[in-house]
Amino acid sequence: MLIRYKKTFEKIAMGLMSFMPTEKDLKKLQLTIKEYETEENLQLFLWKEEDIIGLIGVHMNEDDNAIMIQHISVNPSHRYQGVGKRMVKALKDMYPDKQITANSNTAPFVEKCDLC
């Protein structure tokens, strides 16, 4: 299930986010998490089953009624089990009137989810 990011999940979120190729540098990673905490149009969600095993970060664009997936990451020990696809589907279910899009980093995965 998707849950909204809270400051208490910061270390877990940073660990999951660090699997993104663009977030390897610690300073960049800290800046990205800070942006999700402070920017109104950015939302970070965590995927919780028994534990938190995934993360999906989005940019909400109210002007064109779209949500762009900025980050998506799954704990390596839970990959290839459909967790990422379930996160994208849950996001779509949460915002049924919005179009789900992707940036250049997340597009290869999101295209596999049959949403576009």
PDB file of N, CA and C in Angstrom:
ATOM      1  N   MET A   1       0.833  -1.162   0.000  1.00  0.00           N
ATOM      2  CA  MET A   1       0.000   0.000   0.000  1.00  0.00           C
ATOM      3  C   MET A   1       0.889   1.240   0.000  1.00  0.00           C
ATOM      4  N   LEU A   2       0.441   2.265  -0.719  1.00  0.00           N
ATOM      5  CA  LEU A   2       1.172   3.532  -0.757  1.00  0.00           C
ATOM      6  C   LEU A   2       0.863   4.339   0.495  1.00  0.00           C
ATOM      7  N   ILE A   3       1.922   4.850   1.119  1.00  0.00           N
ATOM      8  CA  ILE A   3       1.755   5.755   2.253  1.00  0.00           C
ATOM      9  C   ILE A   3       2.559   7.015   1.971  1.00  0.00           C
ATOM     10  N   ARG A   4       2.080   8.129   2.468  1.00  0.00           N
ATOM     11  CA  ARG A   4       2.782   9.396   2.264  1.00  0.00           C
ATOM     12  C   ARG A   4       4.048   9.428   3.107  1.00  0.00           C
ATOM     13  N   TYR A   5       5.081  10.022   2.524  1.00  0.00           N
ATOM     14  CA  TYR A   5       6.350  10.205   3.213  1.00  0.00           C
ATOM     15  C   TYR A   5       6.162  11.113   4.428  1.00  0.00           C
ATOM     16  N   LYS A   6       6.823  10.751   5.514  1.00  0.00           N
ATOM     17  CA  LYS A   6       6.912  11.592   6.703  1.00  0.00           C
ATOM     18  C   LYS A   6       8.388  11.681   7.072  1.00  0.00           C
ATOM     19  N   LYS A   7       8.740  12.712   7.783  1.00  0.00           N
ATOM     20  CA  LYS A   7      10.133  12.934   8.189  1.00  0.00           C
ATOM     21  C   LYS A   7      10.693  11.731   8.947  1.00  0.00           C
ATOM     22  N   THR A   8       9.854  11.018   9.685  1.00  0.00           N
ATOM     23  CA  THR A   8      10.324   9.853  10.440  1.00  0.00           C
ATOM     24  C   THR A   8      10.820   8.727   9.527  1.00  0.00           C
ATOM     25  N   PHE A   9      10.436   8.768   8.240  1.00  0.00           N
ATOM     26  CA  PHE A   9      10.868   7.754   7.275  1.00  0.00           C
ATOM     27  C   PHE A   9      12.092   8.207   6.466  1.00  0.00           C
ATOM     28  N   GLU A  10      12.718   9.305   6.891  1.00  0.00           N
ATOM     29  CA  GLU A  10      13.784   9.897   6.076  1.00  0.00           C
ATOM     30  C   GLU A  10      14.903   8.912   5.736  1.00  0.00           C
ATOM     31  N   LYS A  11      15.411   8.171   6.708  1.00  0.00           N
ATOM     32  CA  LYS A  11      16.534   7.255   6.441  1.00  0.00           C
ATOM     33  C   LYS A  11      16.120   6.136   5.494  1.00  0.00           C
ATOM     34  N   ILE A  12      14.928   5.606   5.676  1.00  0.00           N
ATOM     35  CA  ILE A  12      14.431   4.560   4.783  1.00  0.00           C
ATOM     36  C   ILE A  12      14.289   5.119   3.368  1.00  0.00           C
ATOM     37  N   ALA A  13      13.695   6.311   3.262  1.00  0.00           N
ATOM     38  CA  ALA A  13      13.506   6.938   1.947  1.00  0.00           C
ATOM     39  C   ALA A  13      14.850   7.219   1.281  1.00  0.00           C
ATOM     40  N   MET A  14      15.805   7.713   2.039  1.00  0.00           N
ATOM     41  CA  MET A  14      17.128   7.990   1.459  1.00  0.00           C
ATOM     42  C   MET A  14      17.792   6.701   0.984  1.00  0.00           C
ATOM     43  N   GLY A  15      17.646   5.632   1.747  1.00  0.00           N
ATOM     44  CA  GLY A  15      18.212   4.345   1.337  1.00  0.00           C
ATOM     45  C   GLY A  15      17.612   3.858   0.030  1.00  0.00           C
ATOM     46  N   LEU A  16      16.293   3.933  -0.080  1.00  0.00           N
ATOM     47  CA  LEU A  16      15.626   3.504  -1.316  1.00  0.00           C
ATOM     48  C   LEU A  16      15.956   4.432  -2.478  1.00  0.00           C
ATOM     49  N   MET A  17      15.962   5.730  -2.213  1.00  0.00           N
ATOM     50  CA  MET A  17      16.253   6.710  -3.264  1.00  0.00           C
ATOM     51  C   MET A  17      17.678   6.550  -3.792  1.00  0.00           C
ATOM     52  N   SER A  18      18.587   6.097  -2.939  1.00  0.00           N
ATOM     53  CA  SER A  18      19.992   5.973  -3.360  1.00  0.00           C
ATOM     54  C   SER A  18      20.184   4.922  -4.451  1.00  0.00           C
ATOM     55  N   PHE A  19      19.182   4.078  -4.682  1.00  0.00           N
ATOM     56  CA  PHE A  19      19.267   3.098  -5.766  1.00  0.00           C
ATOM     57  C   PHE A  19      19.022   3.738  -7.142  1.00  0.00           C
ATOM     58  N   MET A  20      18.481   4.969  -7.156  1.00  0.00           N
ATOM     59  CA  MET A  20      18.276   5.689  -8.423  1.00  0.00           C
ATOM     60  C   MET A  20      19.636   6.148  -8.939  1.00  0.00           C
ATOM     61  N   PRO A  21      19.915   5.950 -10.226  1.00  0.00           N
ATOM     62  CA  PRO A  21      21.227   6.332 -10.777  1.00  0.00           C
ATOM     63  C   PRO A  21      21.580   7.806 -10.558  1.00  0.00           C
ATOM     64  N   THR A  22      20.586   8.681 -10.537  1.00  0.00           N
ATOM     65  CA  THR A  22      20.851  10.114 -10.393  1.00  0.00           C
ATOM     66  C   THR A  22      21.038  10.537  -8.944  1.00  0.00           C
ATOM     67  N   GLU A  23      20.853   9.619  -8.003  1.00  0.00           N
ATOM     68  CA  GLU A  23      20.879   9.978  -6.581  1.00  0.00           C
ATOM     69  C   GLU A  23      21.993   9.278  -5.811  1.00  0.00           C
ATOM     70  N   LYS A  24      23.095   8.963  -6.468  1.00  0.00           N
ATOM     71  CA  LYS A  24      24.196   8.259  -5.813  1.00  0.00           C
ATOM     72  C   LYS A  24      24.976   9.157  -4.858  1.00  0.00           C
ATOM     73  N   ASP A  25      25.119  10.437  -5.196  1.00  0.00           N
ATOM     74  CA  ASP A  25      25.872  11.378  -4.379  1.00  0.00           C
ATOM     75  C   ASP A  25      25.060  11.773  -3.146  1.00  0.00           C
ATOM     76  N   LEU A  26      25.683  11.707  -1.954  1.00  0.00           N
ATOM     77  CA  LEU A  26      24.975  11.978  -0.707  1.00  0.00           C
ATOM     78  C   LEU A  26      24.388  13.392  -0.665  1.00  0.00           C
ATOM     79  N   LYS A  27      25.138  14.379  -1.085  1.00  0.00           N
ATOM     80  CA  LYS A  27      24.636  15.767  -1.072  1.00  0.00           C
ATOM     81  C   LYS A  27      23.422  15.907  -1.988  1.00  0.00           C
ATOM     82  N   LYS A  28      23.480  15.312  -3.167  1.00  0.00           N
ATOM     83  CA  LYS A  28      22.360  15.355  -4.122  1.00  0.00           C
ATOM     84  C   LYS A  28      21.151  14.642  -3.519  1.00  0.00           C
ATOM     85  N   LEU A  29      21.396  13.512  -2.902  1.00  0.00           N
ATOM     86  CA  LEU A  29      20.326  12.731  -2.272  1.00  0.00           C
ATOM     87  C   LEU A  29      19.645  13.537  -1.163  1.00  0.00           C
ATOM     88  N   GLN A  30      20.421  14.185  -0.316  1.00  0.00           N
ATOM     89  CA  GLN A  30      19.866  15.001   0.762  1.00  0.00           C
ATOM     90  C   GLN A  30      19.053  16.164   0.203  1.00  0.00           C
ATOM     91  N   LEU A  31      19.547  16.774  -0.862  1.00  0.00           N
ATOM     92  CA  LEU A  31      18.835  17.883  -1.496  1.00  0.00           C
ATOM     93  C   LEU A  31      17.501  17.413  -2.077  1.00  0.00           C
ATOM     94  N   THR A  32      17.505  16.256  -2.718  1.00  0.00           N
ATOM     95  CA  THR A  32      16.276  15.705  -3.302  1.00  0.00           C
ATOM     96  C   THR A  32      15.226  15.432  -2.218  1.00  0.00           C
ATOM     97  N   ILE A  33      15.635  14.808  -1.122  1.00  0.00           N
ATOM     98  CA  ILE A  33      14.705  14.531  -0.023  1.00  0.00           C
ATOM     99  C   ILE A  33      14.165  15.845   0.535  1.00  0.00           C
ATOM    100  N   LYS A  34      15.026  16.833   0.702  1.00  0.00           N
ATOM    101  CA  LYS A  34      14.611  18.147   1.211  1.00  0.00           C
ATOM    102  C   LYS A  34      13.575  18.787   0.277  1.00  0.00           C
ATOM    103  N   GLU A  35      13.788  18.643  -1.045  1.00  0.00           N
ATOM    104  CA  GLU A  35      12.820  19.187  -2.005  1.00  0.00           C
ATOM    105  C   GLU A  35      11.457  18.518  -1.836  1.00  0.00           C
ATOM    106  N   TYR A  36      11.439  17.202  -1.646  1.00  0.00           N
ATOM    107  CA  TYR A  36      10.158  16.510  -1.436  1.00  0.00           C
ATOM    108  C   TYR A  36       9.481  16.972  -0.147  1.00  0.00           C
ATOM    109  N   GLU A  37      10.280  17.345   0.849  1.00  0.00           N
ATOM    110  CA  GLU A  37       9.718  17.806   2.117  1.00  0.00           C
ATOM    111  C   GLU A  37       9.159  19.228   2.023  1.00  0.00           C
ATOM    112  N   THR A  38       9.733  20.054   1.159  1.00  0.00           N
ATOM    113  CA  THR A  38       9.384  21.479   1.163  1.00  0.00           C
ATOM    114  C   THR A  38       8.592  21.957  -0.047  1.00  0.00           C
ATOM    115  N   GLU A  39       8.747  21.336  -1.193  1.00  0.00           N
ATOM    116  CA  GLU A  39       8.068  21.788  -2.409  1.00  0.00           C
ATOM    117  C   GLU A  39       6.628  21.273  -2.424  1.00  0.00           C
ATOM    118  N   GLU A  40       5.690  22.181  -2.586  1.00  0.00           N
ATOM    119  CA  GLU A  40       4.276  21.827  -2.562  1.00  0.00           C
ATOM    120  C   GLU A  40       3.864  20.889  -3.698  1.00  0.00           C
ATOM    121  N   ASN A  41       4.479  21.043  -4.865  1.00  0.00           N
ATOM    122  CA  ASN A  41       4.079  20.245  -6.026  1.00  0.00           C
ATOM    123  C   ASN A  41       4.821  18.905  -6.126  1.00  0.00           C
ATOM    124  N   LEU A  42       5.679  18.598  -5.158  1.00  0.00           N
ATOM    125  CA  LEU A  42       6.367  17.306  -5.130  1.00  0.00           C
ATOM    126  C   LEU A  42       5.794  16.449  -4.010  1.00  0.00           C
ATOM    127  N   GLN A  43       5.539  15.195  -4.308  1.00  0.00           N
ATOM    128  CA  GLN A  43       5.017  14.248  -3.312  1.00  0.00           C
ATOM    129  C   GLN A  43       5.866  12.985  -3.347  1.00  0.00           C
ATOM    130  N   LEU A  44       6.179  12.490  -2.177  1.00  0.00           N
ATOM    131  CA  LEU A  44       6.934  11.255  -2.059  1.00  0.00           C
ATOM    132  C   LEU A  44       6.050  10.239  -1.341  1.00  0.00           C
ATOM    133  N   PHE A  45       5.962   9.045  -1.915  1.00  0.00           N
ATOM    134  CA  PHE A  45       5.177   7.967  -1.327  1.00  0.00           C
ATOM    135  C   PHE A  45       6.089   6.770  -1.089  1.00  0.00           C
ATOM    136  N   LEU A  46       5.782   6.020  -0.058  1.00  0.00           N
ATOM    137  CA  LEU A  46       6.518   4.793   0.235  1.00  0.00           C
ATOM    138  C   LEU A  46       5.566   3.623   0.075  1.00  0.00           C
ATOM    139  N   TRP A  47       6.122   2.482  -0.347  1.00  0.00           N
ATOM    140  CA  TRP A  47       5.311   1.276  -0.515  1.00  0.00           C
ATOM    141  C   TRP A  47       5.564   0.360   0.668  1.00  0.00           C
ATOM    142  N   LYS A  48       4.487   0.070   1.383  1.00  0.00           N
ATOM    143  CA  LYS A  48       4.598  -0.750   2.579  1.00  0.00           C
ATOM    144  C   LYS A  48       3.833  -2.044   2.402  1.00  0.00           C
ATOM    145  N   GLU A  49       4.533  -3.135   2.616  1.00  0.00           N
ATOM    146  CA  GLU A  49       3.876  -4.437   2.724  1.00  0.00           C
ATOM    147  C   GLU A  49       4.038  -4.800   4.203  1.00  0.00           C
ATOM    148  N   GLU A  50       4.924  -5.735   4.538  1.00  0.00           N
ATOM    149  CA  GLU A  50       5.237  -5.911   5.965  1.00  0.00           C
ATOM    150  C   GLU A  50       6.203  -4.811   6.392  1.00  0.00           C
ATOM    151  N   ASP A  51       7.149  -4.505   5.515  1.00  0.00           N
ATOM    152  CA  ASP A  51       8.100  -3.424   5.721  1.00  0.00           C
ATOM    153  C   ASP A  51       7.971  -2.450   4.561  1.00  0.00           C
ATOM    154  N   ILE A  52       8.646  -1.331   4.664  1.00  0.00           N
ATOM    155  CA  ILE A  52       8.696  -0.388   3.547  1.00  0.00           C
ATOM    156  C   ILE A  52       9.739  -0.901   2.572  1.00  0.00           C
ATOM    157  N   ILE A  53       9.293  -1.191   1.339  1.00  0.00           N
ATOM    158  CA  ILE A  53      10.203  -1.814   0.371  1.00  0.00           C
ATOM    159  C   ILE A  53      10.309  -1.038  -0.940  1.00  0.00           C
ATOM    160  N   GLY A  54       9.559   0.043  -1.067  1.00  0.00           N
ATOM    161  CA  GLY A  54       9.600   0.800  -2.313  1.00  0.00           C
ATOM    162  C   GLY A  54       9.314   2.264  -2.083  1.00  0.00           C
ATOM    163  N   LEU A  55       9.607   3.042  -3.119  1.00  0.00           N
ATOM    164  CA  LEU A  55       9.429   4.492  -3.062  1.00  0.00           C
ATOM    165  C   LEU A  55       9.047   4.990  -4.445  1.00  0.00           C
ATOM    166  N   ILE A  56       8.146   5.958  -4.477  1.00  0.00           N
ATOM    167  CA  ILE A  56       7.777   6.600  -5.733  1.00  0.00           C
ATOM    168  C   ILE A  56       7.610   8.096  -5.458  1.00  0.00           C
ATOM    169  N   GLY A  57       8.325   8.902  -6.215  1.00  0.00           N
ATOM    170  CA  GLY A  57       8.273  10.348  -6.057  1.00  0.00           C
ATOM    171  C   GLY A  57       7.680  10.978  -7.296  1.00  0.00           C
ATOM    172  N   VAL A  58       6.759  11.911  -7.104  1.00  0.00           N
ATOM    173  CA  VAL A  58       6.041  12.494  -8.235  1.00  0.00           C
ATOM    174  C   VAL A  58       6.037  14.018  -8.184  1.00  0.00           C
ATOM    175  N   HIS A  59       5.894  14.581  -9.370  1.00  0.00           N
ATOM    176  CA  HIS A  59       5.709  16.026  -9.530  1.00  0.00           C
ATOM    177  C   HIS A  59       4.276  16.219  -9.985  1.00  0.00           C
ATOM    178  N   MET A  60       3.497  16.933  -9.169  1.00  0.00           N
ATOM    179  CA  MET A  60       2.089  17.186  -9.488  1.00  0.00           C
ATOM    180  C   MET A  60       2.006  18.462 -10.313  1.00  0.00           C
ATOM    181  N   ASN A  61       1.498  18.357 -11.520  1.00  0.00           N
ATOM    182  CA  ASN A  61       1.353  19.528 -12.381  1.00  0.00           C
ATOM    183  C   ASN A  61      -0.131  19.830 -12.535  1.00  0.00           C
ATOM    184  N   GLU A  62      -0.595  20.778 -11.760  1.00  0.00           N
ATOM    185  CA  GLU A  62      -2.019  21.126 -11.770  1.00  0.00           C
ATOM    186  C   GLU A  62      -2.455  21.749 -13.099  1.00  0.00           C
ATOM    187  N   ASP A  63      -1.534  22.421 -13.793  1.00  0.00           N
ATOM    188  CA  ASP A  63      -1.879  23.110 -15.036  1.00  0.00           C
ATOM    189  C   ASP A  63      -2.380  22.159 -16.117  1.00  0.00           C
ATOM    190  N   ASP A  64      -1.716  21.024 -16.253  1.00  0.00           N
ATOM    191  CA  ASP A  64      -2.146  20.103 -17.314  1.00  0.00           C
ATOM    192  C   ASP A  64      -2.701  18.789 -16.763  1.00  0.00           C
ATOM    193  N   ASN A  65      -3.076  18.796 -15.457  1.00  0.00           N
ATOM    194  CA  ASN A  65      -3.738  17.643 -14.863  1.00  0.00           C
ATOM    195  C   ASN A  65      -2.913  16.359 -14.990  1.00  0.00           C
ATOM    196  N   ALA A  66      -1.589  16.495 -14.817  1.00  0.00           N
ATOM    197  CA  ALA A  66      -0.697  15.345 -14.967  1.00  0.00           C
ATOM    198  C   ALA A  66       0.148  15.142 -13.718  1.00  0.00           C
ATOM    199  N   ILE A  67       0.578  13.919 -13.549  1.00  0.00           N
ATOM    200  CA  ILE A  67       1.510  13.547 -12.497  1.00  0.00           C
ATOM    201  C   ILE A  67       2.715  12.922 -13.186  1.00  0.00           C
ATOM    202  N   MET A  68       3.886  13.501 -12.970  1.00  0.00           N
ATOM    203  CA  MET A  68       5.099  12.944 -13.567  1.00  0.00           C
ATOM    204  C   MET A  68       5.872  12.163 -12.503  1.00  0.00           C
ATOM    205  N   ILE A  69       6.148  10.912 -12.800  1.00  0.00           N
ATOM    206  CA  ILE A  69       6.934  10.086 -11.889  1.00  0.00           C
ATOM    207  C   ILE A  69       8.395  10.496 -12.034  1.00  0.00           C
ATOM    208  N   GLN A  70       8.943  11.053 -10.958  1.00  0.00           N
ATOM    209  CA  GLN A  70      10.325  11.538 -10.940  1.00  0.00           C
ATOM    210  C   GLN A  70      11.298  10.452 -10.478  1.00  0.00           C
ATOM    211  N   HIS A  71      10.875   9.688  -9.483  1.00  0.00           N
ATOM    212  CA  HIS A  71      11.711   8.639  -8.897  1.00  0.00           C
ATOM    213  C   HIS A  71      10.853   7.411  -8.644  1.00  0.00           C
ATOM    214  N   ILE A  72      11.439   6.247  -8.869  1.00  0.00           N
ATOM    215  CA  ILE A  72      10.788   4.994  -8.488  1.00  0.00           C
ATOM    216  C   ILE A  72      11.896   4.013  -8.142  1.00  0.00           C
ATOM    217  N   SER A  73      11.762   3.385  -6.997  1.00  0.00           N
ATOM    218  CA  SER A  73      12.823   2.505  -6.523  1.00  0.00           C
ATOM    219  C   SER A  73      12.226   1.404  -5.657  1.00  0.00           C
ATOM    220  N   VAL A  74      12.782   0.212  -5.797  1.00  0.00           N
ATOM    221  CA  VAL A  74      12.351  -0.942  -5.000  1.00  0.00           C
ATOM    222  C   VAL A  74      13.593  -1.556  -4.373  1.00  0.00           C
ATOM    223  N   ASN A  75      13.471  -1.956  -3.129  1.00  0.00           N
ATOM    224  CA  ASN A  75      14.554  -2.638  -2.440  1.00  0.00           C
ATOM    225  C   ASN A  75      15.020  -3.807  -3.316  1.00  0.00           C
ATOM    226  N   PRO A  76      16.336  -3.946  -3.545  1.00  0.00           N
ATOM    227  CA  PRO A  76      16.827  -5.005  -4.451  1.00  0.00           C
ATOM    228  C   PRO A  76      16.342  -6.407  -4.093  1.00  0.00           C
ATOM    229  N   SER A  77      16.138  -6.706  -2.830  1.00  0.00           N
ATOM    230  CA  SER A  77      15.693  -8.062  -2.464  1.00  0.00           C
ATOM    231  C   SER A  77      14.219  -8.301  -2.790  1.00  0.00           C
ATOM    232  N   HIS A  78      13.511  -7.259  -3.239  1.00  0.00           N
ATOM    233  CA  HIS A  78      12.086  -7.398  -3.591  1.00  0.00           C
ATOM    234  C   HIS A  78      11.834  -7.082  -5.068  1.00  0.00           C
ATOM    235  N   ARG A  79      12.876  -6.958  -5.841  1.00  0.00           N
ATOM    236  CA  ARG A  79      12.696  -6.625  -7.258  1.00  0.00           C
ATOM    237  C   ARG A  79      12.220  -7.843  -8.047  1.00  0.00           C
ATOM    238  N   TYR A  80      11.666  -7.562  -9.218  1.00  0.00           N
ATOM    239  CA  TYR A  80      11.156  -8.594 -10.136  1.00  0.00           C
ATOM    240  C   TYR A  80      10.000  -9.383  -9.525  1.00  0.00           C
ATOM    241  N   GLN A  81       9.251  -8.733  -8.621  1.00  0.00           N
ATOM    242  CA  GLN A  81       8.076  -9.357  -8.011  1.00  0.00           C
ATOM    243  C   GLN A  81       6.829  -8.505  -8.243  1.00  0.00           C
ATOM    244  N   GLY A  82       6.943  -7.488  -9.096  1.00  0.00           N
ATOM    245  CA  GLY A  82       5.795  -6.659  -9.430  1.00  0.00           C
ATOM    246  C   GLY A  82       5.536  -5.492  -8.487  1.00  0.00           C
ATOM    247  N   VAL A  83       6.459  -5.220  -7.565  1.00  0.00           N
ATOM    248  CA  VAL A  83       6.263  -4.139  -6.596  1.00  0.00           C
ATOM    249  C   VAL A  83       6.183  -2.784  -7.307  1.00  0.00           C
ATOM    250  N   GLY A  84       7.089  -2.529  -8.220  1.00  0.00           N
ATOM    251  CA  GLY A  84       7.089  -1.254  -8.945  1.00  0.00           C
ATOM    252  C   GLY A  84       5.789  -1.041  -9.710  1.00  0.00           C
ATOM    253  N   LYS A  85       5.321  -2.082 -10.370  1.00  0.00           N
ATOM    254  CA  LYS A  85       4.065  -1.974 -11.122  1.00  0.00           C
ATOM    255  C   LYS A  85       2.884  -1.743 -10.182  1.00  0.00           C
ATOM    256  N   ARG A  86       2.908  -2.377  -9.020  1.00  0.00           N
ATOM    257  CA  ARG A  86       1.829  -2.159  -8.040  1.00  0.00           C
ATOM    258  C   ARG A  86       1.854  -0.724  -7.519  1.00  0.00           C
ATOM    259  N   MET A  87       3.058  -0.155  -7.360  1.00  0.00           N
ATOM    260  CA  MET A  87       3.151   1.237  -6.915  1.00  0.00           C
ATOM    261  C   MET A  87       2.551   2.174  -7.955  1.00  0.00           C
ATOM    262  N   VAL A  88       2.872   1.958  -9.224  1.00  0.00           N
ATOM    263  CA  VAL A  88       2.346   2.805 -10.296  1.00  0.00           C
ATOM    264  C   VAL A  88       0.829   2.652 -10.386  1.00  0.00           C
ATOM    265  N   LYS A  89       0.330   1.420 -10.272  1.00  0.00           N
ATOM    266  CA  LYS A  89      -1.114   1.194 -10.316  1.00  0.00           C
ATOM    267  C   LYS A  89      -1.805   1.870  -9.130  1.00  0.00           C
ATOM    268  N   ALA A  90      -1.222   1.777  -7.947  1.00  0.00           N
ATOM    269  CA  ALA A  90      -1.810   2.412  -6.759  1.00  0.00           C
ATOM    270  C   ALA A  90      -1.837   3.931  -6.928  1.00  0.00           C
ATOM    271  N   LEU A  91      -0.809   4.481  -7.545  1.00  0.00           N
ATOM    272  CA  LEU A  91      -0.774   5.922  -7.810  1.00  0.00           C
ATOM    273  C   LEU A  91      -1.896   6.296  -8.766  1.00  0.00           C
ATOM    274  N   LYS A  92      -2.070   5.505  -9.803  1.00  0.00           N
ATOM    275  CA  LYS A  92      -3.140   5.740 -10.779  1.00  0.00           C
ATOM    276  C   LYS A  92      -4.508   5.630 -10.108  1.00  0.00           C
ATOM    277  N   ASP A  93      -4.671   4.655  -9.222  1.00  0.00           N
ATOM    278  CA  ASP A  93      -5.934   4.488  -8.498  1.00  0.00           C
ATOM    279  C   ASP A  93      -6.187   5.652  -7.540  1.00  0.00           C
ATOM    280  N   MET A  94      -5.117   6.192  -6.961  1.00  0.00           N
ATOM    281  CA  MET A  94      -5.226   7.306  -6.028  1.00  0.00           C
ATOM    282  C   MET A  94      -5.622   8.601  -6.740  1.00  0.00           C
ATOM    283  N   TYR A  95      -5.175   8.743  -7.999  1.00  0.00           N
ATOM    284  CA  TYR A  95      -5.454   9.936  -8.800  1.00  0.00           C
ATOM    285  C   TYR A  95      -6.050   9.523 -10.145  1.00  0.00           C
ATOM    286  N   PRO A  96      -7.280   8.991 -10.152  1.00  0.00           N
ATOM    287  CA  PRO A  96      -7.858   8.444 -11.389  1.00  0.00           C
ATOM    288  C   PRO A  96      -8.075   9.480 -12.497  1.00  0.00           C
ATOM    289  N   ASP A  97      -8.213  10.752 -12.131  1.00  0.00           N
ATOM    290  CA  ASP A  97      -8.468  11.781 -13.139  1.00  0.00           C
ATOM    291  C   ASP A  97      -7.195  12.395 -13.704  1.00  0.00           C
ATOM    292  N   LYS A  98      -6.049  11.943 -13.241  1.00  0.00           N
ATOM    293  CA  LYS A  98      -4.771  12.510 -13.686  1.00  0.00           C
ATOM    294  C   LYS A  98      -4.085  11.583 -14.676  1.00  0.00           C
ATOM    295  N   GLN A  99      -3.335  12.204 -15.563  1.00  0.00           N
ATOM    296  CA  GLN A  99      -2.531  11.423 -16.502  1.00  0.00           C
ATOM    297  C   GLN A  99      -1.177  11.158 -15.855  1.00  0.00           C
ATOM    298  N   ILE A 100      -0.743   9.898 -15.866  1.00  0.00           N
ATOM    299  CA  ILE A 100       0.554   9.529 -15.303  1.00  0.00           C
ATOM    300  C   ILE A 100       1.588   9.595 -16.422  1.00  0.00           C
ATOM    301  N   THR A 101       2.639  10.381 -16.191  1.00  0.00           N
ATOM    302  CA  THR A 101       3.727  10.498 -17.153  1.00  0.00           C
ATOM    303  C   THR A 101       5.030  10.160 -16.437  1.00  0.00           C
ATOM    304  N   ALA A 102       6.125  10.196 -17.180  1.00  0.00           N
ATOM    305  CA  ALA A 102       7.432   9.851 -16.610  1.00  0.00           C
ATOM    306  C   ALA A 102       8.489  10.809 -17.127  1.00  0.00           C
ATOM    307  N   ASN A 103       9.574  10.931 -16.379  1.00  0.00           N
ATOM    308  CA  ASN A 103      10.711  11.693 -16.886  1.00  0.00           C
ATOM    309  C   ASN A 103      11.662  10.726 -17.596  1.00  0.00           C
ATOM    310  N   SER A 104      12.777  11.219 -18.072  1.00  0.00           N
ATOM    311  CA  SER A 104      13.684  10.366 -18.855  1.00  0.00           C
ATOM    312  C   SER A 104      14.263   9.222 -18.026  1.00  0.00           C
ATOM    313  N   ASN A 105      14.384   9.404 -16.724  1.00  0.00           N
ATOM    314  CA  ASN A 105      14.935   8.340 -15.875  1.00  0.00           C
ATOM    315  C   ASN A 105      13.918   7.248 -15.573  1.00  0.00           C
ATOM    316  N   THR A 106      12.656   7.605 -15.463  1.00  0.00           N
ATOM    317  CA  THR A 106      11.639   6.624 -15.074  1.00  0.00           C
ATOM    318  C   THR A 106      10.834   6.085 -16.258  1.00  0.00           C
ATOM    319  N   ALA A 107      10.946   6.728 -17.411  1.00  0.00           N
ATOM    320  CA  ALA A 107      10.149   6.337 -18.585  1.00  0.00           C
ATOM    321  C   ALA A 107      10.324   4.872 -18.983  1.00  0.00           C
ATOM    322  N   PRO A 108      11.554   4.329 -19.034  1.00  0.00           N
ATOM    323  CA  PRO A 108      11.673   2.921 -19.456  1.00  0.00           C
ATOM    324  C   PRO A 108      10.851   1.974 -18.585  1.00  0.00           C
ATOM    325  N   PHE A 109      10.795   2.242 -17.284  1.00  0.00           N
ATOM    326  CA  PHE A 109      10.000   1.377 -16.406  1.00  0.00           C
ATOM    327  C   PHE A 109       8.518   1.661 -16.548  1.00  0.00           C
ATOM    328  N   VAL A 110       8.129   2.923 -16.517  1.00  0.00           N
ATOM    329  CA  VAL A 110       6.707   3.292 -16.544  1.00  0.00           C
ATOM    330  C   VAL A 110       6.055   2.785 -17.832  1.00  0.00           C
ATOM    331  N   GLU A 111       6.788   2.808 -18.941  1.00  0.00           N
ATOM    332  CA  GLU A 111       6.237   2.299 -20.208  1.00  0.00           C
ATOM    333  C   GLU A 111       5.872   0.830 -20.108  1.00  0.00           C
ATOM    334  N   LYS A 112       6.565   0.069 -19.272  1.00  0.00           N
ATOM    335  CA  LYS A 112       6.252  -1.348 -19.079  1.00  0.00           C
ATOM    336  C   LYS A 112       4.953  -1.542 -18.293  1.00  0.00           C
ATOM    337  N   CYS A 113       4.482  -0.471 -17.655  1.00  0.00           N
ATOM    338  CA  CYS A 113       3.282  -0.568 -16.817  1.00  0.00           C
ATOM    339  C   CYS A 113       1.989  -0.358 -17.596  1.00  0.00           C
ATOM    340  N   ASP A 114       2.075  -0.130 -18.893  1.00  0.00           N
ATOM    341  CA  ASP A 114       0.895   0.033 -19.764  1.00  0.00           C
ATOM    342  C   ASP A 114      -0.021   1.173 -19.348  1.00  0.00           C
ATOM    343  N   LEU A 115       0.543   2.287 -18.936  1.00  0.00           N
ATOM    344  CA  LEU A 115      -0.285   3.424 -18.524  1.00  0.00           C
ATOM    345  C   LEU A 115      -0.330   4.510 -19.592  1.00  0.00           C
ATOM    346  N   CYS A 116       0.689   4.573 -20.425  1.00  0.00           N
ATOM    347  CA  CYS A 116       0.788   5.686 -21.372  1.00  0.00           C
ATOM    348  C   CYS A 116      -0.056   5.456 -22.598  1.00  0.00           C
TER     349      CYS A 116
END
